[in-house]
Amino acid sequence: MVNEGDVWPAPALERNRQAAVDSIRHTTSEREGELQRIVERAAAIAATPIASVSLIDRERQWLAARLGIDARETPRSASICSRVILRPGEPLVILDALRDERYAKIPSVAEDPFVRFYTGIPLVNRAGYALGALCVVDTVPRDEPPDLMALGRLAREAERIIAGH
Protein backbone atom coordinates (compact mmCIF):
# COMPACT_ATOMS: atom_id res chain seq x y z
CA MET A 1 0.00 0.00 0.00
CA VAL A 2 1.24 3.48 -0.88
CA ASN A 3 1.41 6.16 1.78
CA GLU A 4 0.16 9.48 0.36
CA GLY A 5 3.11 11.24 1.97
CA ASP A 6 5.52 9.24 -0.18
CA VAL A 7 6.60 10.80 -3.44
CA TRP A 8 8.26 7.75 -5.00
CA PRO A 9 6.65 4.45 -5.95
CA ALA A 10 8.32 1.14 -5.07
CA PRO A 11 11.86 0.88 -6.59
CA ALA A 12 11.06 -1.66 -9.34
CA LEU A 13 7.92 0.20 -10.37
CA GLU A 14 9.79 3.52 -10.30
CA ARG A 15 12.58 2.16 -12.58
CA ASN A 16 10.02 1.06 -15.17
CA ARG A 17 8.02 4.26 -14.80
CA GLN A 18 11.17 6.35 -15.23
CA ALA A 19 12.12 4.42 -18.37
CA ALA A 20 8.69 5.28 -19.75
CA VAL A 21 9.22 8.98 -18.92
CA ASP A 22 12.66 8.90 -20.58
CA SER A 23 11.15 7.41 -23.74
CA ILE A 24 8.66 10.26 -24.27
CA ARG A 25 10.94 13.24 -23.73
CA HIS A 26 11.57 13.87 -27.46
CA THR A 27 7.90 13.49 -28.44
CA THR A 28 6.78 15.87 -25.73
CA SER A 29 9.19 18.59 -26.84
CA GLU A 30 8.06 18.29 -30.46
CA ARG A 31 4.37 18.60 -29.55
CA GLU A 32 4.53 21.42 -27.02
CA GLY A 33 1.99 23.53 -28.94
CA GLU A 34 -0.64 20.79 -28.85
CA LEU A 35 -0.09 20.29 -25.11
CA GLN A 36 -0.33 24.06 -24.59
CA ARG A 37 -3.80 24.09 -26.15
CA ILE A 38 -4.87 21.32 -23.76
CA VAL A 39 -3.58 23.29 -20.77
CA GLU A 40 -5.49 26.37 -21.90
CA ARG A 41 -8.71 24.37 -22.32
CA ALA A 42 -8.24 22.75 -18.90
CA ALA A 43 -7.85 26.15 -17.23
CA ALA A 44 -11.00 27.38 -18.98
CA ILE A 45 -13.02 24.32 -17.92
CA ALA A 46 -11.93 24.65 -14.29
CA ALA A 47 -11.90 28.48 -14.31
CA THR A 48 -8.39 28.50 -12.82
CA PRO A 49 -5.52 30.92 -13.45
CA ILE A 50 -2.91 28.12 -13.45
CA ALA A 51 -2.74 24.83 -15.35
CA SER A 52 -0.03 22.51 -16.62
CA VAL A 53 0.94 19.23 -18.15
CA SER A 54 3.68 18.06 -15.84
CA LEU A 55 5.95 15.06 -16.18
CA ILE A 56 7.56 13.57 -13.11
CA ASP A 57 11.23 12.77 -13.62
CA ARG A 58 13.72 11.19 -11.20
CA GLU A 59 14.27 14.28 -9.10
CA ARG A 60 12.13 16.94 -10.71
CA GLN A 61 8.80 17.85 -12.17
CA TRP A 62 9.11 19.44 -15.59
CA LEU A 63 6.28 21.33 -17.19
CA ALA A 64 5.76 20.32 -20.80
CA ALA A 65 3.07 23.02 -21.09
CA ARG A 66 1.95 25.63 -18.59
CA LEU A 67 -0.32 28.59 -18.05
CA GLY A 68 -0.11 31.15 -15.26
CA ILE A 69 3.32 30.16 -13.94
CA ASP A 70 6.82 30.92 -15.13
CA ALA A 71 8.70 27.89 -13.79
CA ARG A 72 9.63 25.21 -16.31
CA GLU A 73 10.56 22.74 -13.58
CA THR A 74 10.47 22.24 -9.82
CA PRO A 75 12.01 19.70 -7.47
CA ARG A 76 9.93 16.52 -7.43
CA SER A 77 9.64 16.69 -3.65
CA ALA A 78 8.05 20.15 -3.94
CA SER A 79 5.41 18.99 -6.42
CA ILE A 80 1.81 18.05 -5.69
CA CYS A 81 1.76 16.34 -9.09
CA SER A 82 4.32 13.85 -7.78
CA ARG A 83 1.56 12.57 -5.49
CA VAL A 84 -0.83 12.08 -8.43
CA ILE A 85 1.40 9.42 -10.00
CA LEU A 86 1.04 7.25 -6.89
CA ARG A 87 -2.55 6.41 -7.91
CA PRO A 88 -2.60 6.21 -11.71
CA GLY A 89 -6.34 5.57 -11.98
CA GLU A 90 -7.57 8.35 -9.70
CA PRO A 91 -7.73 12.11 -9.94
CA LEU A 92 -6.39 14.02 -6.95
CA VAL A 93 -8.68 16.83 -5.80
CA ILE A 94 -7.60 19.18 -3.02
CA LEU A 95 -10.19 21.84 -2.28
CA ASP A 96 -7.99 23.72 0.23
CA ALA A 97 -4.35 22.60 0.37
CA LEU A 98 -3.54 24.92 3.25
CA ARG A 99 -6.09 23.15 5.46
CA ASP A 100 -4.92 19.65 4.49
CA GLU A 101 -1.95 18.52 6.60
CA ARG A 102 -0.75 16.18 3.81
CA TYR A 103 -0.11 19.16 1.52
CA ALA A 104 0.09 22.30 3.67
CA LYS A 105 3.89 22.21 4.01
CA ILE A 106 4.68 21.55 0.34
CA PRO A 107 6.65 24.59 -0.94
CA SER A 108 4.14 25.45 -3.69
CA VAL A 109 1.43 25.66 -1.03
CA ALA A 110 3.41 27.40 1.71
CA GLU A 111 5.23 29.74 -0.73
CA ASP A 112 4.71 31.31 -4.15
CA PRO A 113 2.45 30.48 -6.03
CA PHE A 114 0.48 29.73 -2.80
CA VAL A 115 -1.60 26.86 -4.16
CA ARG A 116 -4.91 26.47 -2.36
CA PHE A 117 -7.03 24.52 -4.87
CA TYR A 118 -5.55 21.69 -6.93
CA THR A 119 -6.93 19.01 -9.22
CA GLY A 120 -4.59 16.60 -10.99
CA ILE A 121 -5.55 13.91 -13.50
CA PRO A 122 -2.86 11.23 -13.94
CA LEU A 123 -1.29 10.91 -17.38
CA VAL A 124 -0.79 7.19 -17.93
CA ASN A 125 0.91 5.37 -20.80
CA ARG A 126 -0.42 2.19 -22.43
CA ALA A 127 1.67 0.02 -20.08
CA GLY A 128 -0.09 1.63 -17.10
CA TYR A 129 2.76 3.82 -15.84
CA ALA A 130 1.81 7.26 -14.57
CA LEU A 131 4.10 9.73 -16.32
CA GLY A 132 2.75 12.91 -14.76
CA ALA A 133 -0.45 14.90 -14.52
CA LEU A 134 -2.74 17.38 -16.17
CA CYS A 135 -3.43 19.80 -13.36
CA VAL A 136 -5.47 22.90 -12.69
CA VAL A 137 -4.60 25.19 -9.80
CA ASP A 138 -5.97 28.24 -8.04
CA THR A 139 -4.67 30.48 -5.27
CA VAL A 140 -8.06 30.47 -3.55
CA PRO A 141 -9.85 27.43 -2.10
CA ARG A 142 -12.93 25.93 -3.71
CA ASP A 143 -16.08 24.32 -2.37
CA GLU A 144 -16.32 21.70 -5.10
CA PRO A 145 -14.20 20.04 -7.77
CA PRO A 146 -14.27 21.07 -11.42
CA ASP A 147 -15.77 18.90 -14.16
CA LEU A 148 -13.60 15.79 -13.72
CA MET A 149 -15.07 14.09 -16.79
CA ALA A 150 -14.08 16.98 -19.05
CA LEU A 151 -10.61 17.19 -17.50
CA GLY A 152 -10.28 13.41 -17.87
CA ARG A 153 -11.03 13.68 -21.60
CA LEU A 154 -8.32 16.33 -21.93
CA ALA A 155 -5.90 14.12 -20.00
CA ARG A 156 -6.57 11.22 -22.40
CA GLU A 157 -5.90 13.59 -25.30
CA ALA A 158 -2.63 14.68 -23.67
CA GLU A 159 -1.66 11.01 -23.24
CA ARG A 160 -2.17 10.40 -26.98
CA ILE A 161 -0.05 13.45 -27.83
CA ILE A 162 2.70 12.40 -25.42
CA ALA A 163 2.65 8.89 -26.91
CA GLY A 164 3.14 10.40 -30.38
CA HIS A 165 -0.29 9.44 -31.75
C-alpha atoms as a PDB file:
ATOM      1  CA  MET A   1       0.000   0.000   0.000  1.00  0.00           C
ATOM      2  CA  VAL A   2       1.243   3.484  -0.878  1.00  0.00           C
ATOM      3  CA  ASN A   3       1.409   6.158   1.775  1.00  0.00           C
ATOM      4  CA  GLU A   4       0.157   9.483   0.364  1.00  0.00           C
ATOM      5  CA  GLY A   5       3.111  11.241   1.972  1.00  0.00           C
ATOM      6  CA  ASP A   6       5.515   9.241  -0.182  1.00  0.00           C
ATOM      7  CA  VAL A   7       6.598  10.805  -3.444  1.00  0.00           C
ATOM      8  CA  TRP A   8       8.262   7.754  -5.000  1.00  0.00           C
ATOM      9  CA  PRO A   9       6.648   4.451  -5.948  1.00  0.00           C
ATOM     10  CA  ALA A  10       8.317   1.138  -5.073  1.00  0.00           C
ATOM     11  CA  PRO A  11      11.860   0.878  -6.590  1.00  0.00           C
ATOM     12  CA  ALA A  12      11.056  -1.660  -9.343  1.00  0.00           C
ATOM     13  CA  LEU A  13       7.924   0.203 -10.368  1.00  0.00           C
ATOM     14  CA  GLU A  14       9.789   3.515 -10.303  1.00  0.00           C
ATOM     15  CA  ARG A  15      12.577   2.157 -12.582  1.00  0.00           C
ATOM     16  CA  ASN A  16      10.017   1.064 -15.170  1.00  0.00           C
ATOM     17  CA  ARG A  17       8.020   4.261 -14.801  1.00  0.00           C
ATOM     18  CA  GLN A  18      11.167   6.349 -15.226  1.00  0.00           C
ATOM     19  CA  ALA A  19      12.122   4.424 -18.372  1.00  0.00           C
ATOM     20  CA  ALA A  20       8.691   5.284 -19.754  1.00  0.00           C
ATOM     21  CA  VAL A  21       9.225   8.979 -18.915  1.00  0.00           C
ATOM     22  CA  ASP A  22      12.657   8.905 -20.576  1.00  0.00           C
ATOM     23  CA  SER A  23      11.151   7.414 -23.745  1.00  0.00           C
ATOM     24  CA  ILE A  24       8.659  10.256 -24.275  1.00  0.00           C
ATOM     25  CA  ARG A  25      10.945  13.242 -23.729  1.00  0.00           C
ATOM     26  CA  HIS A  26      11.572  13.866 -27.458  1.00  0.00           C
ATOM     27  CA  THR A  27       7.903  13.489 -28.444  1.00  0.00           C
ATOM     28  CA  THR A  28       6.778  15.870 -25.727  1.00  0.00           C
ATOM     29  CA  SER A  29       9.195  18.595 -26.837  1.00  0.00           C
ATOM     30  CA  GLU A  30       8.061  18.293 -30.455  1.00  0.00           C
ATOM     31  CA  ARG A  31       4.373  18.599 -29.554  1.00  0.00           C
ATOM     32  CA  GLU A  32       4.535  21.419 -27.024  1.00  0.00           C
ATOM     33  CA  GLY A  33       1.989  23.534 -28.943  1.00  0.00           C
ATOM     34  CA  GLU A  34      -0.635  20.792 -28.846  1.00  0.00           C
ATOM     35  CA  LEU A  35      -0.086  20.291 -25.113  1.00  0.00           C
ATOM     36  CA  GLN A  36      -0.327  24.057 -24.589  1.00  0.00           C
ATOM     37  CA  ARG A  37      -3.801  24.087 -26.154  1.00  0.00           C
ATOM     38  CA  ILE A  38      -4.872  21.315 -23.761  1.00  0.00           C
ATOM     39  CA  VAL A  39      -3.576  23.288 -20.769  1.00  0.00           C
ATOM     40  CA  GLU A  40      -5.486  26.373 -21.901  1.00  0.00           C
ATOM     41  CA  ARG A  41      -8.708  24.374 -22.321  1.00  0.00           C
ATOM     42  CA  ALA A  42      -8.244  22.747 -18.903  1.00  0.00           C
ATOM     43  CA  ALA A  43      -7.845  26.153 -17.234  1.00  0.00           C
ATOM     44  CA  ALA A  44     -11.005  27.379 -18.980  1.00  0.00           C
ATOM     45  CA  ILE A  45     -13.023  24.325 -17.916  1.00  0.00           C
ATOM     46  CA  ALA A  46     -11.927  24.649 -14.295  1.00  0.00           C
ATOM     47  CA  ALA A  47     -11.904  28.477 -14.308  1.00  0.00           C
ATOM     48  CA  THR A  48      -8.392  28.503 -12.824  1.00  0.00           C
ATOM     49  CA  PRO A  49      -5.522  30.918 -13.454  1.00  0.00           C
ATOM     50  CA  ILE A  50      -2.914  28.119 -13.446  1.00  0.00           C
ATOM     51  CA  ALA A  51      -2.743  24.833 -15.351  1.00  0.00           C
ATOM     52  CA  SER A  52      -0.034  22.513 -16.616  1.00  0.00           C
ATOM     53  CA  VAL A  53       0.938  19.234 -18.147  1.00  0.00           C
ATOM     54  CA  SER A  54       3.682  18.061 -15.841  1.00  0.00           C
ATOM     55  CA  LEU A  55       5.946  15.059 -16.180  1.00  0.00           C
ATOM     56  CA  ILE A  56       7.561  13.571 -13.112  1.00  0.00           C
ATOM     57  CA  ASP A  57      11.231  12.766 -13.620  1.00  0.00           C
ATOM     58  CA  ARG A  58      13.718  11.186 -11.199  1.00  0.00           C
ATOM     59  CA  GLU A  59      14.271  14.281  -9.097  1.00  0.00           C
ATOM     60  CA  ARG A  60      12.132  16.944 -10.711  1.00  0.00           C
ATOM     61  CA  GLN A  61       8.802  17.848 -12.169  1.00  0.00           C
ATOM     62  CA  TRP A  62       9.112  19.437 -15.588  1.00  0.00           C
ATOM     63  CA  LEU A  63       6.284  21.328 -17.193  1.00  0.00           C
ATOM     64  CA  ALA A  64       5.760  20.323 -20.801  1.00  0.00           C
ATOM     65  CA  ALA A  65       3.074  23.021 -21.088  1.00  0.00           C
ATOM     66  CA  ARG A  66       1.954  25.631 -18.593  1.00  0.00           C
ATOM     67  CA  LEU A  67      -0.323  28.589 -18.051  1.00  0.00           C
ATOM     68  CA  GLY A  68      -0.110  31.151 -15.262  1.00  0.00           C
ATOM     69  CA  ILE A  69       3.320  30.157 -13.937  1.00  0.00           C
ATOM     70  CA  ASP A  70       6.824  30.924 -15.133  1.00  0.00           C
ATOM     71  CA  ALA A  71       8.695  27.894 -13.787  1.00  0.00           C
ATOM     72  CA  ARG A  72       9.630  25.213 -16.309  1.00  0.00           C
ATOM     73  CA  GLU A  73      10.565  22.744 -13.582  1.00  0.00           C
ATOM     74  CA  THR A  74      10.466  22.244  -9.818  1.00  0.00           C
ATOM     75  CA  PRO A  75      12.007  19.698  -7.475  1.00  0.00           C
ATOM     76  CA  ARG A  76       9.927  16.523  -7.429  1.00  0.00           C
ATOM     77  CA  SER A  77       9.638  16.687  -3.654  1.00  0.00           C
ATOM     78  CA  ALA A  78       8.047  20.146  -3.942  1.00  0.00           C
ATOM     79  CA  SER A  79       5.406  18.993  -6.419  1.00  0.00           C
ATOM     80  CA  ILE A  80       1.807  18.052  -5.690  1.00  0.00           C
ATOM     81  CA  CYS A  81       1.760  16.337  -9.093  1.00  0.00           C
ATOM     82  CA  SER A  82       4.323  13.855  -7.781  1.00  0.00           C
ATOM     83  CA  ARG A  83       1.555  12.567  -5.492  1.00  0.00           C
ATOM     84  CA  VAL A  84      -0.831  12.082  -8.433  1.00  0.00           C
ATOM     85  CA  ILE A  85       1.398   9.415  -9.998  1.00  0.00           C
ATOM     86  CA  LEU A  86       1.035   7.247  -6.888  1.00  0.00           C
ATOM     87  CA  ARG A  87      -2.550   6.415  -7.906  1.00  0.00           C
ATOM     88  CA  PRO A  88      -2.603   6.211 -11.707  1.00  0.00           C
ATOM     89  CA  GLY A  89      -6.337   5.568 -11.975  1.00  0.00           C
ATOM     90  CA  GLU A  90      -7.567   8.350  -9.700  1.00  0.00           C
ATOM     91  CA  PRO A  91      -7.729  12.110  -9.940  1.00  0.00           C
ATOM     92  CA  LEU A  92      -6.385  14.018  -6.948  1.00  0.00           C
ATOM     93  CA  VAL A  93      -8.675  16.826  -5.797  1.00  0.00           C
ATOM     94  CA  ILE A  94      -7.596  19.181  -3.020  1.00  0.00           C
ATOM     95  CA  LEU A  95     -10.192  21.844  -2.276  1.00  0.00           C
ATOM     96  CA  ASP A  96      -7.988  23.715   0.227  1.00  0.00           C
ATOM     97  CA  ALA A  97      -4.355  22.603   0.374  1.00  0.00           C
ATOM     98  CA  LEU A  98      -3.537  24.919   3.250  1.00  0.00           C
ATOM     99  CA  ARG A  99      -6.086  23.149   5.463  1.00  0.00           C
ATOM    100  CA  ASP A 100      -4.922  19.645   4.487  1.00  0.00           C
ATOM    101  CA  GLU A 101      -1.955  18.520   6.596  1.00  0.00           C
ATOM    102  CA  ARG A 102      -0.749  16.176   3.810  1.00  0.00           C
ATOM    103  CA  TYR A 103      -0.114  19.156   1.522  1.00  0.00           C
ATOM    104  CA  ALA A 104       0.092  22.305   3.673  1.00  0.00           C
ATOM    105  CA  LYS A 105       3.895  22.207   4.006  1.00  0.00           C
ATOM    106  CA  ILE A 106       4.682  21.548   0.341  1.00  0.00           C
ATOM    107  CA  PRO A 107       6.646  24.585  -0.940  1.00  0.00           C
ATOM    108  CA  SER A 108       4.135  25.452  -3.693  1.00  0.00           C
ATOM    109  CA  VAL A 109       1.425  25.663  -1.026  1.00  0.00           C
ATOM    110  CA  ALA A 110       3.415  27.403   1.711  1.00  0.00           C
ATOM    111  CA  GLU A 111       5.229  29.737  -0.731  1.00  0.00           C
ATOM    112  CA  ASP A 112       4.707  31.311  -4.150  1.00  0.00           C
ATOM    113  CA  PRO A 113       2.453  30.477  -6.035  1.00  0.00           C
ATOM    114  CA  PHE A 114       0.481  29.735  -2.798  1.00  0.00           C
ATOM    115  CA  VAL A 115      -1.599  26.858  -4.156  1.00  0.00           C
ATOM    116  CA  ARG A 116      -4.907  26.465  -2.363  1.00  0.00           C
ATOM    117  CA  PHE A 117      -7.026  24.525  -4.871  1.00  0.00           C
ATOM    118  CA  TYR A 118      -5.545  21.695  -6.926  1.00  0.00           C
ATOM    119  CA  THR A 119      -6.925  19.011  -9.217  1.00  0.00           C
ATOM    120  CA  GLY A 120      -4.588  16.605 -10.992  1.00  0.00           C
ATOM    121  CA  ILE A 121      -5.547  13.914 -13.496  1.00  0.00           C
ATOM    122  CA  PRO A 122      -2.859  11.227 -13.937  1.00  0.00           C
ATOM    123  CA  LEU A 123      -1.288  10.906 -17.382  1.00  0.00           C
ATOM    124  CA  VAL A 124      -0.795   7.190 -17.926  1.00  0.00           C
ATOM    125  CA  ASN A 125       0.912   5.372 -20.800  1.00  0.00           C
ATOM    126  CA  ARG A 126      -0.417   2.186 -22.430  1.00  0.00           C
ATOM    127  CA  ALA A 127       1.666   0.019 -20.081  1.00  0.00           C
ATOM    128  CA  GLY A 128      -0.093   1.634 -17.105  1.00  0.00           C
ATOM    129  CA  TYR A 129       2.756   3.820 -15.841  1.00  0.00           C
ATOM    130  CA  ALA A 130       1.808   7.255 -14.567  1.00  0.00           C
ATOM    131  CA  LEU A 131       4.101   9.725 -16.318  1.00  0.00           C
ATOM    132  CA  GLY A 132       2.751  12.907 -14.762  1.00  0.00           C
ATOM    133  CA  ALA A 133      -0.453  14.896 -14.522  1.00  0.00           C
ATOM    134  CA  LEU A 134      -2.738  17.382 -16.173  1.00  0.00           C
ATOM    135  CA  CYS A 135      -3.427  19.797 -13.356  1.00  0.00           C
ATOM    136  CA  VAL A 136      -5.469  22.900 -12.686  1.00  0.00           C
ATOM    137  CA  VAL A 137      -4.603  25.187  -9.796  1.00  0.00           C
ATOM    138  CA  ASP A 138      -5.968  28.240  -8.038  1.00  0.00           C
ATOM    139  CA  THR A 139      -4.674  30.478  -5.271  1.00  0.00           C
ATOM    140  CA  VAL A 140      -8.064  30.474  -3.546  1.00  0.00           C
ATOM    141  CA  PRO A 141      -9.850  27.432  -2.100  1.00  0.00           C
ATOM    142  CA  ARG A 142     -12.934  25.929  -3.710  1.00  0.00           C
ATOM    143  CA  ASP A 143     -16.079  24.320  -2.367  1.00  0.00           C
ATOM    144  CA  GLU A 144     -16.323  21.703  -5.100  1.00  0.00           C
ATOM    145  CA  PRO A 145     -14.199  20.043  -7.769  1.00  0.00           C
ATOM    146  CA  PRO A 146     -14.265  21.074 -11.424  1.00  0.00           C
ATOM    147  CA  ASP A 147     -15.766  18.900 -14.159  1.00  0.00           C
ATOM    148  CA  LEU A 148     -13.603  15.785 -13.716  1.00  0.00           C
ATOM    149  CA  MET A 149     -15.070  14.085 -16.789  1.00  0.00           C
ATOM    150  CA  ALA A 150     -14.081  16.982 -19.055  1.00  0.00           C
ATOM    151  CA  LEU A 151     -10.609  17.186 -17.497  1.00  0.00           C
ATOM    152  CA  GLY A 152     -10.281  13.411 -17.874  1.00  0.00           C
ATOM    153  CA  ARG A 153     -11.027  13.676 -21.602  1.00  0.00           C
ATOM    154  CA  LEU A 154      -8.319  16.333 -21.931  1.00  0.00           C
ATOM    155  CA  ALA A 155      -5.898  14.117 -19.997  1.00  0.00           C
ATOM    156  CA  ARG A 156      -6.571  11.216 -22.403  1.00  0.00           C
ATOM    157  CA  GLU A 157      -5.902  13.591 -25.304  1.00  0.00           C
ATOM    158  CA  ALA A 158      -2.626  14.678 -23.665  1.00  0.00           C
ATOM    159  CA  GLU A 159      -1.661  11.010 -23.244  1.00  0.00           C
ATOM    160  CA  ARG A 160      -2.168  10.400 -26.983  1.00  0.00           C
ATOM    161  CA  ILE A 161      -0.049  13.452 -27.830  1.00  0.00           C
ATOM    162  CA  ILE A 162       2.700  12.401 -25.421  1.00  0.00           C
ATOM    163  CA  ALA A 163       2.652   8.895 -26.915  1.00  0.00           C
ATOM    164  CA  GLY A 164       3.141  10.397 -30.383  1.00  0.00           C
ATOM    165  CA  HIS A 165      -0.288   9.445 -31.748  1.00  0.00           C
END
